[in-house]
């Protein structure tokens, strides 16, 4: 809960229940699929270590959590 508050909720003005639900859903997806975790050697929880990384692919940026967070991935 502290991470959610510090990284997301403390920086945004919530406009209503629907806005909050959308924001929480976006942040949950970011937290589980993309955000690095110190206890997992800077890998996200859903990271597959057997998946090869194409270092020649173009890097794409995606905004999430109402534009507060930017995720960077290699395009496939």
N, C-alpha and C. Protein backbone atom coordinates (compact mmCIF):
# COMPACT_ATOMS: atom_id res chain seq x y z
N UNK A 1 0.82 -1.20 0.00
CA UNK A 1 0.00 0.00 0.00
C UNK A 1 0.86 1.27 0.00
N UNK A 2 1.98 1.22 0.71
CA UNK A 2 2.85 2.39 0.76
C UNK A 2 3.42 2.73 -0.60
N UNK A 3 3.83 1.71 -1.35
CA UNK A 3 4.37 1.93 -2.69
C UNK A 3 3.32 2.55 -3.60
N UNK A 4 2.12 2.03 -3.55
CA UNK A 4 1.02 2.58 -4.36
C UNK A 4 0.79 4.05 -4.02
N UNK A 5 0.77 4.37 -2.76
CA UNK A 5 0.54 5.75 -2.35
C UNK A 5 1.70 6.65 -2.78
N UNK A 6 2.94 6.24 -2.50
CA UNK A 6 4.11 7.08 -2.81
C UNK A 6 4.32 7.26 -4.30
N UNK A 7 4.16 6.20 -5.08
CA UNK A 7 4.46 6.28 -6.51
C UNK A 7 3.29 6.75 -7.37
N UNK A 8 2.10 6.71 -6.84
CA UNK A 8 0.94 7.00 -7.69
C UNK A 8 -0.04 7.99 -7.05
N UNK A 9 -0.67 7.61 -5.98
CA UNK A 9 -1.78 8.38 -5.44
C UNK A 9 -1.37 9.75 -4.89
N UNK A 10 -0.17 9.87 -4.36
CA UNK A 10 0.29 11.16 -3.83
C UNK A 10 0.52 12.19 -4.92
N UNK A 11 0.55 11.78 -6.18
CA UNK A 11 0.88 12.70 -7.28
C UNK A 11 -0.31 13.06 -8.15
N UNK A 12 -1.48 12.53 -7.84
CA UNK A 12 -2.64 12.75 -8.71
C UNK A 12 -3.85 13.23 -7.92
N UNK A 13 -4.71 13.96 -8.60
CA UNK A 13 -5.99 14.35 -8.04
C UNK A 13 -7.03 13.37 -8.59
N UNK A 14 -7.70 12.66 -7.71
CA UNK A 14 -8.68 11.65 -8.12
C UNK A 14 -10.03 12.34 -8.33
N UNK A 15 -10.66 12.10 -9.48
CA UNK A 15 -11.90 12.77 -9.85
C UNK A 15 -13.16 12.00 -9.49
N UNK A 16 -13.03 10.77 -9.04
CA UNK A 16 -14.21 9.99 -8.68
C UNK A 16 -13.86 8.51 -8.60
N UNK A 17 -14.87 7.72 -8.29
CA UNK A 17 -14.67 6.29 -8.10
C UNK A 17 -14.21 5.62 -9.39
N UNK A 18 -14.81 5.97 -10.51
CA UNK A 18 -14.43 5.36 -11.79
C UNK A 18 -12.98 5.69 -12.14
N UNK A 19 -12.58 6.93 -11.92
CA UNK A 19 -11.21 7.34 -12.18
C UNK A 19 -10.24 6.58 -11.28
N UNK A 20 -10.58 6.44 -10.00
CA UNK A 20 -9.73 5.71 -9.06
C UNK A 20 -9.60 4.25 -9.47
N UNK A 21 -10.70 3.60 -9.85
CA UNK A 21 -10.64 2.20 -10.27
C UNK A 21 -9.75 2.01 -11.49
N UNK A 22 -9.87 2.91 -12.46
CA UNK A 22 -9.04 2.82 -13.67
C UNK A 22 -7.56 3.00 -13.31
N UNK A 23 -7.29 3.96 -12.46
CA UNK A 23 -5.93 4.22 -12.03
C UNK A 23 -5.34 3.03 -11.28
N UNK A 24 -6.10 2.43 -10.38
CA UNK A 24 -5.63 1.27 -9.63
C UNK A 24 -5.38 0.07 -10.53
N UNK A 25 -6.24 -0.12 -11.51
CA UNK A 25 -6.06 -1.22 -12.47
C UNK A 25 -4.79 -1.01 -13.29
N UNK A 26 -4.58 0.20 -13.77
CA UNK A 26 -3.36 0.51 -14.54
C UNK A 26 -2.11 0.32 -13.70
N UNK A 27 -2.15 0.80 -12.46
CA UNK A 27 -0.97 0.69 -11.60
C UNK A 27 -0.69 -0.76 -11.24
N UNK A 28 -1.74 -1.54 -10.99
CA UNK A 28 -1.55 -2.96 -10.69
C UNK A 28 -0.86 -3.68 -11.85
N UNK A 29 -1.29 -3.39 -13.06
CA UNK A 29 -0.68 -3.99 -14.25
C UNK A 29 0.79 -3.58 -14.35
N UNK A 30 1.07 -2.31 -14.13
CA UNK A 30 2.45 -1.82 -14.17
C UNK A 30 3.30 -2.49 -13.08
N UNK A 31 2.77 -2.57 -11.88
CA UNK A 31 3.51 -3.13 -10.74
C UNK A 31 3.85 -4.60 -10.95
N UNK A 32 2.92 -5.37 -11.49
CA UNK A 32 3.14 -6.81 -11.66
C UNK A 32 3.85 -7.20 -12.95
N UNK A 33 3.73 -6.39 -13.98
CA UNK A 33 4.28 -6.79 -15.27
C UNK A 33 5.53 -6.02 -15.69
N UNK A 34 5.77 -4.86 -15.10
CA UNK A 34 6.87 -4.05 -15.61
C UNK A 34 7.82 -3.51 -14.55
N UNK A 35 7.33 -3.10 -13.43
CA UNK A 35 8.14 -2.43 -12.41
C UNK A 35 9.19 -3.38 -11.83
N UNK A 36 10.41 -2.88 -11.71
CA UNK A 36 11.49 -3.69 -11.13
C UNK A 36 11.30 -3.83 -9.61
N UNK A 37 11.61 -5.02 -9.09
CA UNK A 37 11.49 -5.29 -7.66
C UNK A 37 12.85 -5.68 -7.12
N UNK A 38 13.29 -4.99 -6.08
CA UNK A 38 14.61 -5.21 -5.51
C UNK A 38 14.77 -6.65 -5.02
N UNK A 39 13.74 -7.22 -4.42
CA UNK A 39 13.84 -8.58 -3.89
C UNK A 39 13.92 -9.64 -4.98
N UNK A 40 13.65 -9.27 -6.25
CA UNK A 40 13.72 -10.20 -7.37
C UNK A 40 14.85 -9.84 -8.32
N UNK A 41 15.91 -9.26 -7.80
CA UNK A 41 17.07 -8.86 -8.62
C UNK A 41 16.67 -7.91 -9.74
N UNK A 42 15.85 -6.94 -9.42
CA UNK A 42 15.39 -5.89 -10.33
C UNK A 42 14.56 -6.42 -11.50
N UNK A 43 13.89 -7.55 -11.29
CA UNK A 43 12.97 -8.09 -12.31
C UNK A 43 11.54 -7.95 -11.83
N UNK A 44 10.58 -7.75 -12.74
CA UNK A 44 9.18 -7.71 -12.34
C UNK A 44 8.68 -9.11 -11.99
N UNK A 45 7.61 -9.21 -11.20
CA UNK A 45 7.09 -10.52 -10.78
C UNK A 45 6.71 -11.44 -11.94
N UNK A 46 6.21 -10.91 -13.05
CA UNK A 46 5.78 -11.74 -14.17
C UNK A 46 6.88 -11.95 -15.21
N UNK A 47 8.11 -11.63 -14.88
CA UNK A 47 9.24 -11.76 -15.81
C UNK A 47 9.56 -13.23 -16.07
N UNK A 48 9.75 -13.57 -17.35
CA UNK A 48 10.15 -14.92 -17.74
C UNK A 48 11.63 -14.89 -18.10
N UNK A 49 12.52 -15.45 -17.25
CA UNK A 49 13.96 -15.38 -17.52
C UNK A 49 14.39 -16.16 -18.76
N UNK A 50 13.57 -17.07 -19.24
CA UNK A 50 13.91 -17.86 -20.43
C UNK A 50 13.58 -17.13 -21.72
N UNK A 51 12.88 -16.01 -21.64
CA UNK A 51 12.49 -15.26 -22.83
C UNK A 51 13.68 -14.46 -23.34
N UNK A 52 14.12 -14.69 -24.59
CA UNK A 52 15.27 -13.96 -25.12
C UNK A 52 14.92 -12.49 -25.37
N UNK A 53 15.92 -11.62 -25.26
CA UNK A 53 15.74 -10.19 -25.48
C UNK A 53 16.45 -9.82 -26.77
N UNK A 54 15.70 -9.25 -27.71
CA UNK A 54 16.26 -8.81 -28.98
C UNK A 54 16.85 -7.41 -28.79
N UNK A 55 18.16 -7.30 -28.69
CA UNK A 55 18.81 -6.03 -28.42
C UNK A 55 18.81 -5.09 -29.62
N UNK A 56 18.41 -5.58 -30.79
CA UNK A 56 18.37 -4.72 -31.97
C UNK A 56 16.99 -4.09 -32.17
N UNK A 57 16.00 -4.51 -31.40
CA UNK A 57 14.64 -3.99 -31.55
C UNK A 57 14.56 -2.54 -31.08
N UNK A 58 13.66 -1.80 -31.68
CA UNK A 58 13.44 -0.40 -31.32
C UNK A 58 12.78 -0.34 -29.94
N UNK A 59 13.13 0.66 -29.16
CA UNK A 59 12.54 0.83 -27.83
C UNK A 59 11.30 1.70 -27.95
N UNK A 60 10.20 1.25 -27.39
CA UNK A 60 8.92 1.97 -27.41
C UNK A 60 8.57 2.43 -26.01
N UNK A 61 7.94 3.59 -25.91
CA UNK A 61 7.49 4.11 -24.63
C UNK A 61 5.96 4.05 -24.55
N UNK A 62 5.46 3.66 -23.38
CA UNK A 62 4.01 3.61 -23.15
C UNK A 62 3.73 4.31 -21.83
N UNK A 63 2.76 5.23 -21.85
CA UNK A 63 2.35 5.91 -20.62
C UNK A 63 1.24 5.11 -19.96
N UNK A 64 1.26 5.09 -18.62
CA UNK A 64 0.23 4.40 -17.85
C UNK A 64 -0.06 5.21 -16.59
N UNK A 65 -1.08 4.82 -15.87
CA UNK A 65 -1.48 5.49 -14.63
C UNK A 65 -1.69 6.98 -14.87
N UNK A 66 -2.56 7.30 -15.81
CA UNK A 66 -2.93 8.68 -16.15
C UNK A 66 -1.73 9.51 -16.60
N UNK A 67 -0.76 8.86 -17.26
CA UNK A 67 0.42 9.55 -17.76
C UNK A 67 1.50 9.78 -16.73
N UNK A 68 1.29 9.30 -15.52
CA UNK A 68 2.26 9.51 -14.44
C UNK A 68 3.49 8.62 -14.59
N UNK A 69 3.30 7.42 -15.11
CA UNK A 69 4.38 6.45 -15.23
C UNK A 69 4.61 6.14 -16.71
N UNK A 70 5.87 6.07 -17.10
CA UNK A 70 6.24 5.71 -18.47
C UNK A 70 6.99 4.39 -18.44
N UNK A 71 6.55 3.45 -19.26
CA UNK A 71 7.20 2.15 -19.37
C UNK A 71 7.94 2.09 -20.69
N UNK A 72 9.11 1.50 -20.68
CA UNK A 72 9.92 1.37 -21.88
C UNK A 72 10.14 -0.12 -22.16
N UNK A 73 9.85 -0.52 -23.40
CA UNK A 73 10.02 -1.92 -23.81
C UNK A 73 10.60 -1.95 -25.21
N UNK A 74 11.23 -3.06 -25.50
CA UNK A 74 11.69 -3.28 -26.86
C UNK A 74 10.51 -3.76 -27.71
N UNK A 75 10.34 -3.13 -28.86
CA UNK A 75 9.24 -3.50 -29.76
C UNK A 75 9.55 -4.86 -30.39
N UNK A 76 8.54 -5.67 -30.55
CA UNK A 76 8.73 -6.99 -31.14
C UNK A 76 8.05 -7.06 -32.48
